[in-house]
């Protein structure tokens, strides 16, 4: 069974239905054919950060993108440090 994907607009409308129109999660679940747990997660995600909620497939929040960039940079710097360490050891052996 293929996983269902929902557009950002659909998620925002579902959250608006629950929060602003005071429809219960159970009723919204039946009306929208979405599991209650999923709806609760959408409401929580929206409550945590309304501007960055539901960034889309393959997109990260700015904080997550920055963390990923920094991790790549750390990996690169560790490799460079290892090369320099090995070069220093090599030249230390070559010096009389």
C-alpha atoms as a PDB file:
ATOM      1  CA  UNK A   1       0.000   0.000   0.000  1.00  0.00           C
ATOM      2  CA  UNK A   2       1.420   3.344  -1.045  1.00  0.00           C
ATOM      3  CA  UNK A   3       1.814   6.075   1.508  1.00  0.00           C
ATOM      4  CA  UNK A   4      -0.589   8.969   1.098  1.00  0.00           C
ATOM      5  CA  UNK A   5       0.806  12.455   0.677  1.00  0.00           C
ATOM      6  CA  UNK A   6      -1.063  15.604   1.560  1.00  0.00           C
ATOM      7  CA  UNK A   7      -0.442  19.083   0.212  1.00  0.00           C
ATOM      8  CA  UNK A   8       0.503  21.888   2.580  1.00  0.00           C
ATOM      9  CA  UNK A   9      -2.783  23.663   1.819  1.00  0.00           C
ATOM     10  CA  UNK A  10      -4.769  20.567   2.776  1.00  0.00           C
ATOM     11  CA  UNK A  11      -2.903  20.282   6.091  1.00  0.00           C
ATOM     12  CA  UNK A  12      -3.412  23.963   6.873  1.00  0.00           C
ATOM     13  CA  UNK A  13      -7.129  23.684   6.123  1.00  0.00           C
ATOM     14  CA  UNK A  14      -7.402  20.592   8.322  1.00  0.00           C
ATOM     15  CA  UNK A  15      -5.685  22.429  11.191  1.00  0.00           C
ATOM     16  CA  UNK A  16      -7.924  25.470  10.658  1.00  0.00           C
ATOM     17  CA  UNK A  17     -10.998  23.232  10.721  1.00  0.00           C
ATOM     18  CA  UNK A  18      -9.974  21.790  14.086  1.00  0.00           C
ATOM     19  CA  UNK A  19      -8.699  24.970  15.744  1.00  0.00           C
ATOM     20  CA  UNK A  20     -10.922  27.765  14.449  1.00  0.00           C
ATOM     21  CA  UNK A  21     -14.176  25.964  13.770  1.00  0.00           C
ATOM     22  CA  UNK A  22     -13.917  23.860  16.930  1.00  0.00           C
ATOM     23  CA  UNK A  23     -14.487  20.596  15.101  1.00  0.00           C
ATOM     24  CA  UNK A  24     -13.286  17.612  17.120  1.00  0.00           C
ATOM     25  CA  UNK A  25     -10.283  15.655  15.869  1.00  0.00           C
ATOM     26  CA  UNK A  26     -12.467  12.557  15.647  1.00  0.00           C
ATOM     27  CA  UNK A  27     -15.056  14.312  13.476  1.00  0.00           C
ATOM     28  CA  UNK A  28     -12.401  15.904  11.258  1.00  0.00           C
ATOM     29  CA  UNK A  29     -10.767  12.497  10.917  1.00  0.00           C
ATOM     30  CA  UNK A  30     -13.998  10.998   9.626  1.00  0.00           C
ATOM     31  CA  UNK A  31     -14.757  13.945   7.333  1.00  0.00           C
ATOM     32  CA  UNK A  32     -11.278  14.135   5.805  1.00  0.00           C
ATOM     33  CA  UNK A  33     -10.461  10.398   5.848  1.00  0.00           C
ATOM     34  CA  UNK A  34      -7.219  11.058   7.733  1.00  0.00           C
ATOM     35  CA  UNK A  35      -6.186   9.163  10.851  1.00  0.00           C
ATOM     36  CA  UNK A  36      -6.698  11.005  14.144  1.00  0.00           C
ATOM     37  CA  UNK A  37      -3.050  10.601  15.120  1.00  0.00           C
ATOM     38  CA  UNK A  38      -1.965  12.280  11.905  1.00  0.00           C
ATOM     39  CA  UNK A  39      -4.340  15.185  12.458  1.00  0.00           C
ATOM     40  CA  UNK A  40      -3.080  15.651  16.017  1.00  0.00           C
ATOM     41  CA  UNK A  41       0.503  15.718  14.714  1.00  0.00           C
ATOM     42  CA  UNK A  42      -0.422  18.373  12.149  1.00  0.00           C
ATOM     43  CA  UNK A  43      -2.054  20.504  14.834  1.00  0.00           C
ATOM     44  CA  UNK A  44       1.039  20.129  17.048  1.00  0.00           C
ATOM     45  CA  UNK A  45       3.438  20.930  14.196  1.00  0.00           C
ATOM     46  CA  UNK A  46       1.426  24.033  13.372  1.00  0.00           C
ATOM     47  CA  UNK A  47       1.326  25.100  17.032  1.00  0.00           C
ATOM     48  CA  UNK A  48       5.113  24.691  17.341  1.00  0.00           C
ATOM     49  CA  UNK A  49       5.964  26.910  14.356  1.00  0.00           C
ATOM     50  CA  UNK A  50       3.093  28.270  12.232  1.00  0.00           C
ATOM     51  CA  UNK A  51       5.347  29.978   9.668  1.00  0.00           C
ATOM     52  CA  UNK A  52       7.544  26.933   9.004  1.00  0.00           C
ATOM     53  CA  UNK A  53       4.929  24.195   9.441  1.00  0.00           C
ATOM     54  CA  UNK A  54       4.690  21.678   6.610  1.00  0.00           C
ATOM     55  CA  UNK A  55       7.684  22.801   4.525  1.00  0.00           C
ATOM     56  CA  UNK A  56       6.997  20.290   1.758  1.00  0.00           C
ATOM     57  CA  UNK A  57       8.545  17.168   0.351  1.00  0.00           C
ATOM     58  CA  UNK A  58      12.319  17.228   0.509  1.00  0.00           C
ATOM     59  CA  UNK A  59      12.474  20.698   1.990  1.00  0.00           C
ATOM     60  CA  UNK A  60      13.862  21.428   5.402  1.00  0.00           C
ATOM     61  CA  UNK A  61      13.169  24.113   7.891  1.00  0.00           C
ATOM     62  CA  UNK A  62      15.930  26.760   7.882  1.00  0.00           C
ATOM     63  CA  UNK A  63      17.308  25.466  11.177  1.00  0.00           C
ATOM     64  CA  UNK A  64      17.524  21.919   9.838  1.00  0.00           C
ATOM     65  CA  UNK A  65      19.244  23.120   6.657  1.00  0.00           C
ATOM     66  CA  UNK A  66      21.804  25.030   8.722  1.00  0.00           C
ATOM     67  CA  UNK A  67      22.485  21.975  10.902  1.00  0.00           C
ATOM     68  CA  UNK A  68      22.987  19.807   7.799  1.00  0.00           C
ATOM     69  CA  UNK A  69      25.362  22.400   6.302  1.00  0.00           C
ATOM     70  CA  UNK A  70      27.357  22.590   9.520  1.00  0.00           C
ATOM     71  CA  UNK A  71      27.613  18.789   9.728  1.00  0.00           C
ATOM     72  CA  UNK A  72      29.008  18.674   6.184  1.00  0.00           C
ATOM     73  CA  UNK A  73      31.503  21.397   7.087  1.00  0.00           C
ATOM     74  CA  UNK A  74      32.606  19.529  10.229  1.00  0.00           C
ATOM     75  CA  UNK A  75      33.173  16.365   8.181  1.00  0.00           C
ATOM     76  CA  UNK A  76      35.267  18.307   5.659  1.00  0.00           C
ATOM     77  CA  UNK A  77      37.322  20.012   8.377  1.00  0.00           C
ATOM     78  CA  UNK A  78      38.004  16.688  10.124  1.00  0.00           C
ATOM     79  CA  UNK A  79      39.268  15.227   6.845  1.00  0.00           C
ATOM     80  CA  UNK A  80      41.509  18.263   6.265  1.00  0.00           C
ATOM     81  CA  UNK A  81      42.859  18.042   9.807  1.00  0.00           C
ATOM     82  CA  UNK A  82      43.662  14.361   9.334  1.00  0.00           C
ATOM     83  CA  UNK A  83      45.533  15.117   6.094  1.00  0.00           C
ATOM     84  CA  UNK A  84      47.554  17.860   7.777  1.00  0.00           C
ATOM     85  CA  UNK A  85      48.327  15.625  10.741  1.00  0.00           C
ATOM     86  CA  UNK A  86      49.598  12.868   8.435  1.00  0.00           C
ATOM     87  CA  UNK A  87      51.644  15.375   6.413  1.00  0.00           C
ATOM     88  CA  UNK A  88      53.219  16.783   9.572  1.00  0.00           C
ATOM     89  CA  UNK A  89      54.146  13.283  10.737  1.00  0.00           C
ATOM     90  CA  UNK A  90      55.629  12.460   7.318  1.00  0.00           C
ATOM     91  CA  UNK A  91      57.760  15.605   7.207  1.00  0.00           C
ATOM     92  CA  UNK A  92      58.828  15.146  10.823  1.00  0.00           C
ATOM     93  CA  UNK A  93      60.341  11.781   9.821  1.00  0.00           C
ATOM     94  CA  UNK A  94      62.103  13.342   6.824  1.00  0.00           C
ATOM     95  CA  UNK A  95      63.845  16.096   8.810  1.00  0.00           C
ATOM     96  CA  UNK A  96      67.363  15.305  10.023  1.00  0.00           C
END
